[in-house]
């Protein structure tokens, strides 16, 4: 599949797919002379999705309690 098709499947921009390919996290093959056209197989995309770790979101920290020394509450 082409980069645009892979981006659509991953629901990201084509620039993100190019960055993943450049970093080596998403494997691909090239077709043609010179640099060639990037093609990504279904197996390569599946391997990337298996290796991708889910993003762990940190627990929200409570807001610091305001200390207003100049106010006195009854």
C-alpha atoms as a PDB file:
ATOM      1  CA  UNK A   1       0.000   0.000   0.000  1.00  0.00           C
ATOM      2  CA  UNK A   2       1.071   3.582  -0.491  1.00  0.00           C
ATOM      3  CA  UNK A   3       1.990   6.061   2.224  1.00  0.00           C
ATOM      4  CA  UNK A   4      -1.382   7.821   1.998  1.00  0.00           C
ATOM      5  CA  UNK A   5      -3.219   4.522   2.382  1.00  0.00           C
ATOM      6  CA  UNK A   6      -1.105   3.568   5.404  1.00  0.00           C
ATOM      7  CA  UNK A   7      -1.737   7.001   6.918  1.00  0.00           C
ATOM      8  CA  UNK A   8      -5.471   6.565   6.430  1.00  0.00           C
ATOM      9  CA  UNK A   9      -5.393   3.160   8.122  1.00  0.00           C
ATOM     10  CA  UNK A  10      -3.402   4.522  11.062  1.00  0.00           C
ATOM     11  CA  UNK A  11      -5.510   7.708  11.134  1.00  0.00           C
ATOM     12  CA  UNK A  12      -2.411   9.913  11.036  1.00  0.00           C
ATOM     13  CA  UNK A  13      -0.933  12.288   8.483  1.00  0.00           C
ATOM     14  CA  UNK A  14       1.329  11.082   5.668  1.00  0.00           C
ATOM     15  CA  UNK A  15       4.139  13.110   7.256  1.00  0.00           C
ATOM     16  CA  UNK A  16       3.857  10.927  10.370  1.00  0.00           C
ATOM     17  CA  UNK A  17       4.175   7.788   8.240  1.00  0.00           C
ATOM     18  CA  UNK A  18       7.267   9.222   6.528  1.00  0.00           C
ATOM     19  CA  UNK A  19       8.743  10.003   9.973  1.00  0.00           C
ATOM     20  CA  UNK A  20       8.036   6.453  11.184  1.00  0.00           C
ATOM     21  CA  UNK A  21       9.738   5.045   8.072  1.00  0.00           C
ATOM     22  CA  UNK A  22      12.744   7.371   8.457  1.00  0.00           C
ATOM     23  CA  UNK A  23      13.173   6.397  12.124  1.00  0.00           C
ATOM     24  CA  UNK A  24      13.009   2.687  11.262  1.00  0.00           C
ATOM     25  CA  UNK A  25       9.971   2.008  13.431  1.00  0.00           C
ATOM     26  CA  UNK A  26       7.812   1.228  10.384  1.00  0.00           C
ATOM     27  CA  UNK A  27       9.470  -1.057   7.853  1.00  0.00           C
ATOM     28  CA  UNK A  28       8.865  -0.543   4.156  1.00  0.00           C
ATOM     29  CA  UNK A  29      10.277  -1.392   0.770  1.00  0.00           C
ATOM     30  CA  UNK A  30      11.032   0.835  -2.179  1.00  0.00           C
ATOM     31  CA  UNK A  31      10.008   0.267  -5.774  1.00  0.00           C
ATOM     32  CA  UNK A  32      11.754   1.943  -8.692  1.00  0.00           C
ATOM     33  CA  UNK A  33      15.040   3.577  -9.532  1.00  0.00           C
ATOM     34  CA  UNK A  34      17.032   5.740  -7.140  1.00  0.00           C
ATOM     35  CA  UNK A  35      15.128   6.427  -3.951  1.00  0.00           C
ATOM     36  CA  UNK A  36      12.025   4.803  -5.398  1.00  0.00           C
ATOM     37  CA  UNK A  37       8.467   4.894  -4.146  1.00  0.00           C
ATOM     38  CA  UNK A  38       7.734   3.763  -0.621  1.00  0.00           C
ATOM     39  CA  UNK A  39       5.413   0.797  -0.289  1.00  0.00           C
ATOM     40  CA  UNK A  40       4.234  -0.774   2.956  1.00  0.00           C
ATOM     41  CA  UNK A  41       2.822  -4.288   3.102  1.00  0.00           C
ATOM     42  CA  UNK A  42      -0.040  -5.353   5.331  1.00  0.00           C
ATOM     43  CA  UNK A  43       2.378  -7.529   7.304  1.00  0.00           C
ATOM     44  CA  UNK A  44       4.750  -4.608   7.915  1.00  0.00           C
ATOM     45  CA  UNK A  45       1.876  -2.438   9.111  1.00  0.00           C
ATOM     46  CA  UNK A  46       0.608  -5.221  11.384  1.00  0.00           C
ATOM     47  CA  UNK A  47       4.108  -5.695  12.833  1.00  0.00           C
ATOM     48  CA  UNK A  48       4.332  -1.983  13.579  1.00  0.00           C
ATOM     49  CA  UNK A  49       0.945  -1.991  15.315  1.00  0.00           C
ATOM     50  CA  UNK A  50       1.956  -4.990  17.440  1.00  0.00           C
ATOM     51  CA  UNK A  51       5.219  -3.346  18.468  1.00  0.00           C
ATOM     52  CA  UNK A  52       3.640   0.014  19.238  1.00  0.00           C
ATOM     53  CA  UNK A  53       3.091   0.447  22.952  1.00  0.00           C
ATOM     54  CA  UNK A  54      -0.125   1.947  24.215  1.00  0.00           C
ATOM     55  CA  UNK A  55       0.315   5.416  25.600  1.00  0.00           C
ATOM     56  CA  UNK A  56       0.037   5.392  29.376  1.00  0.00           C
ATOM     57  CA  UNK A  57      -1.543   8.561  30.601  1.00  0.00           C
ATOM     58  CA  UNK A  58      -0.373   9.769  34.000  1.00  0.00           C
ATOM     59  CA  UNK A  59      -2.951  10.106  36.710  1.00  0.00           C
ATOM     60  CA  UNK A  60      -4.129  13.684  37.056  1.00  0.00           C
ATOM     61  CA  UNK A  61      -2.587  15.479  39.988  1.00  0.00           C
ATOM     62  CA  UNK A  62      -4.906  17.472  42.184  1.00  0.00           C
ATOM     63  CA  UNK A  63      -4.553  21.223  41.963  1.00  0.00           C
ATOM     64  CA  UNK A  64      -2.601  22.714  44.852  1.00  0.00           C
ATOM     65  CA  UNK A  65      -4.809  24.157  47.545  1.00  0.00           C
ATOM     66  CA  UNK A  66      -4.685  27.906  47.680  1.00  0.00           C
ATOM     67  CA  UNK A  67      -3.680  29.409  50.976  1.00  0.00           C
ATOM     68  CA  UNK A  68      -5.042  32.867  51.410  1.00  0.00           C
ATOM     69  CA  UNK A  69      -3.536  34.079  54.653  1.00  0.00           C
ATOM     70  CA  UNK A  70      -5.220  37.444  54.487  1.00  0.00           C
ATOM     71  CA  UNK A  71      -8.732  35.903  54.581  1.00  0.00           C
ATOM     72  CA  UNK A  72     -10.236  34.425  57.699  1.00  0.00           C
ATOM     73  CA  UNK A  73     -13.171  32.117  57.349  1.00  0.00           C
ATOM     74  CA  UNK A  74     -15.624  31.685  60.215  1.00  0.00           C
END
